[in-house]
Amino acid sequence: MTFNEETRVLISCAKDKAVRVWKLPEKWTDENIEKFEQEEIKNQMHNSAVMRIQKSNTKMMEDSDEDDLCGWDIK
């Protein structure tokens, strides 16, 4: 097997003495795959932001003094 990077041609041969010439594309990805990957990136970023907000809210609730004032009779 040999590959010419300038022409993007791959030449291969097999045990049956067949020689094949492959013209490789400049771009390997498919538009549908790119769209799917972009949506996955958006989803992951959204999920990460939601988790940070939830963690922040949980921490604020844990640090709250509200439960310390329960039962106090201030008159």
C-alpha atoms as a PDB file:
ATOM      1  CA  MET A   1       0.000   0.000   0.000  1.00  0.00           C
ATOM      2  CA  THR A   2       1.265   3.487  -0.810  1.00  0.00           C
ATOM      3  CA  PHE A   3      -0.230   6.944  -0.410  1.00  0.00           C
ATOM      4  CA  ASN A   4       0.599  10.142  -2.305  1.00  0.00           C
ATOM      5  CA  GLU A   5      -0.389  13.051  -0.088  1.00  0.00           C
ATOM      6  CA  GLU A   6      -0.237  15.683  -2.856  1.00  0.00           C
ATOM      7  CA  THR A   7      -2.714  13.911  -5.131  1.00  0.00           C
ATOM      8  CA  ARG A   8      -4.511  12.130  -2.252  1.00  0.00           C
ATOM      9  CA  VAL A   9      -4.229   8.826  -4.116  1.00  0.00           C
ATOM     10  CA  LEU A  10      -3.891   5.515  -2.320  1.00  0.00           C
ATOM     11  CA  ILE A  11      -2.697   2.459  -4.243  1.00  0.00           C
ATOM     12  CA  SER A  12      -3.255  -0.985  -2.767  1.00  0.00           C
ATOM     13  CA  CYS A  13      -2.726  -4.540  -3.925  1.00  0.00           C
ATOM     14  CA  ALA A  14      -3.965  -7.890  -2.694  1.00  0.00           C
ATOM     15  CA  LYS A  15      -2.853 -11.533  -2.696  1.00  0.00           C
ATOM     16  CA  ASP A  16      -4.964 -12.142  -5.791  1.00  0.00           C
ATOM     17  CA  LYS A  17      -2.654  -9.662  -7.590  1.00  0.00           C
ATOM     18  CA  ALA A  18      -5.409  -7.052  -7.909  1.00  0.00           C
ATOM     19  CA  VAL A  19      -4.193  -3.475  -7.827  1.00  0.00           C
ATOM     20  CA  ARG A  20      -6.632  -0.777  -6.806  1.00  0.00           C
ATOM     21  CA  VAL A  21      -6.260   2.985  -7.016  1.00  0.00           C
ATOM     22  CA  TRP A  22      -8.260   5.039  -4.527  1.00  0.00           C
ATOM     23  CA  LYS A  23      -8.838   8.774  -4.879  1.00  0.00           C
ATOM     24  CA  LEU A  24      -9.359   9.934  -1.306  1.00  0.00           C
ATOM     25  CA  PRO A  25     -11.590  12.892  -0.473  1.00  0.00           C
ATOM     26  CA  GLU A  26     -10.215  16.108   0.991  1.00  0.00           C
ATOM     27  CA  LYS A  27     -12.892  16.053   3.660  1.00  0.00           C
ATOM     28  CA  TRP A  28     -13.791  12.792   5.384  1.00  0.00           C
ATOM     29  CA  THR A  29     -16.856  13.786   7.361  1.00  0.00           C
ATOM     30  CA  ASP A  30     -20.469  13.691   6.321  1.00  0.00           C
ATOM     31  CA  GLU A  31     -22.784  16.710   6.807  1.00  0.00           C
ATOM     32  CA  ASN A  32     -25.218  14.629   8.872  1.00  0.00           C
ATOM     33  CA  ILE A  33     -22.415  13.492  11.160  1.00  0.00           C
ATOM     34  CA  GLU A  34     -21.199  17.079  11.555  1.00  0.00           C
ATOM     35  CA  LYS A  35     -24.724  18.242  12.468  1.00  0.00           C
ATOM     36  CA  PHE A  36     -25.068  15.410  14.978  1.00  0.00           C
ATOM     37  CA  GLU A  37     -21.688  16.247  16.541  1.00  0.00           C
ATOM     38  CA  GLN A  38     -22.573  19.953  16.799  1.00  0.00           C
ATOM     39  CA  GLU A  39     -25.882  19.097  18.500  1.00  0.00           C
ATOM     40  CA  GLU A  40     -24.073  16.773  20.904  1.00  0.00           C
ATOM     41  CA  ILE A  41     -21.600  19.548  21.770  1.00  0.00           C
ATOM     42  CA  LYS A  42     -24.493  21.964  22.424  1.00  0.00           C
ATOM     43  CA  ASN A  43     -26.246  19.357  24.588  1.00  0.00           C
ATOM     44  CA  GLN A  44     -23.108  18.634  26.588  1.00  0.00           C
ATOM     45  CA  MET A  45     -22.451  22.345  27.151  1.00  0.00           C
ATOM     46  CA  HIS A  46     -26.072  22.867  28.228  1.00  0.00           C
ATOM     47  CA  ASN A  47     -25.979  19.875  30.590  1.00  0.00           C
ATOM     48  CA  SER A  48     -22.708  21.079  32.063  1.00  0.00           C
ATOM     49  CA  ALA A  49     -24.134  24.570  32.672  1.00  0.00           C
ATOM     50  CA  VAL A  50     -27.257  23.105  34.300  1.00  0.00           C
ATOM     51  CA  MET A  51     -25.122  20.924  36.575  1.00  0.00           C
ATOM     52  CA  ARG A  52     -23.016  23.943  37.629  1.00  0.00           C
ATOM     53  CA  ILE A  53     -26.157  25.924  38.443  1.00  0.00           C
ATOM     54  CA  GLN A  54     -27.640  23.029  40.404  1.00  0.00           C
ATOM     55  CA  LYS A  55     -24.385  22.576  42.317  1.00  0.00           C
ATOM     56  CA  SER A  56     -24.239  26.306  43.044  1.00  0.00           C
ATOM     57  CA  ASN A  57     -27.853  26.329  44.265  1.00  0.00           C
ATOM     58  CA  THR A  58     -27.252  23.285  46.443  1.00  0.00           C
ATOM     59  CA  LYS A  59     -24.211  24.941  48.012  1.00  0.00           C
ATOM     60  CA  MET A  60     -26.188  28.128  48.688  1.00  0.00           C
ATOM     61  CA  MET A  61     -28.929  26.072  50.355  1.00  0.00           C
ATOM     62  CA  GLU A  62     -26.350  24.246  52.472  1.00  0.00           C
ATOM     63  CA  ASP A  63     -24.760  27.542  53.528  1.00  0.00           C
ATOM     64  CA  SER A  64     -28.126  29.116  54.319  1.00  0.00           C
ATOM     65  CA  ASP A  65     -28.767  30.306  57.873  1.00  0.00           C
ATOM     66  CA  GLU A  66     -32.520  29.715  57.580  1.00  0.00           C
ATOM     67  CA  ASP A  67     -32.376  26.438  59.460  1.00  0.00           C
ATOM     68  CA  ASP A  68     -30.356  28.059  62.264  1.00  0.00           C
ATOM     69  CA  LEU A  69     -33.232  30.482  63.007  1.00  0.00           C
ATOM     70  CA  CYS A  70     -35.934  27.829  63.281  1.00  0.00           C
ATOM     71  CA  GLY A  71     -37.350  27.625  66.760  1.00  0.00           C
ATOM     72  CA  TRP A  72     -36.115  31.012  67.882  1.00  0.00           C
ATOM     73  CA  ASP A  73     -38.758  33.070  69.593  1.00  0.00           C
ATOM     74  CA  ILE A  74     -37.809  36.657  69.007  1.00  0.00           C
ATOM     75  CA  LYS A  75     -40.111  39.065  70.900  1.00  0.00           C
END
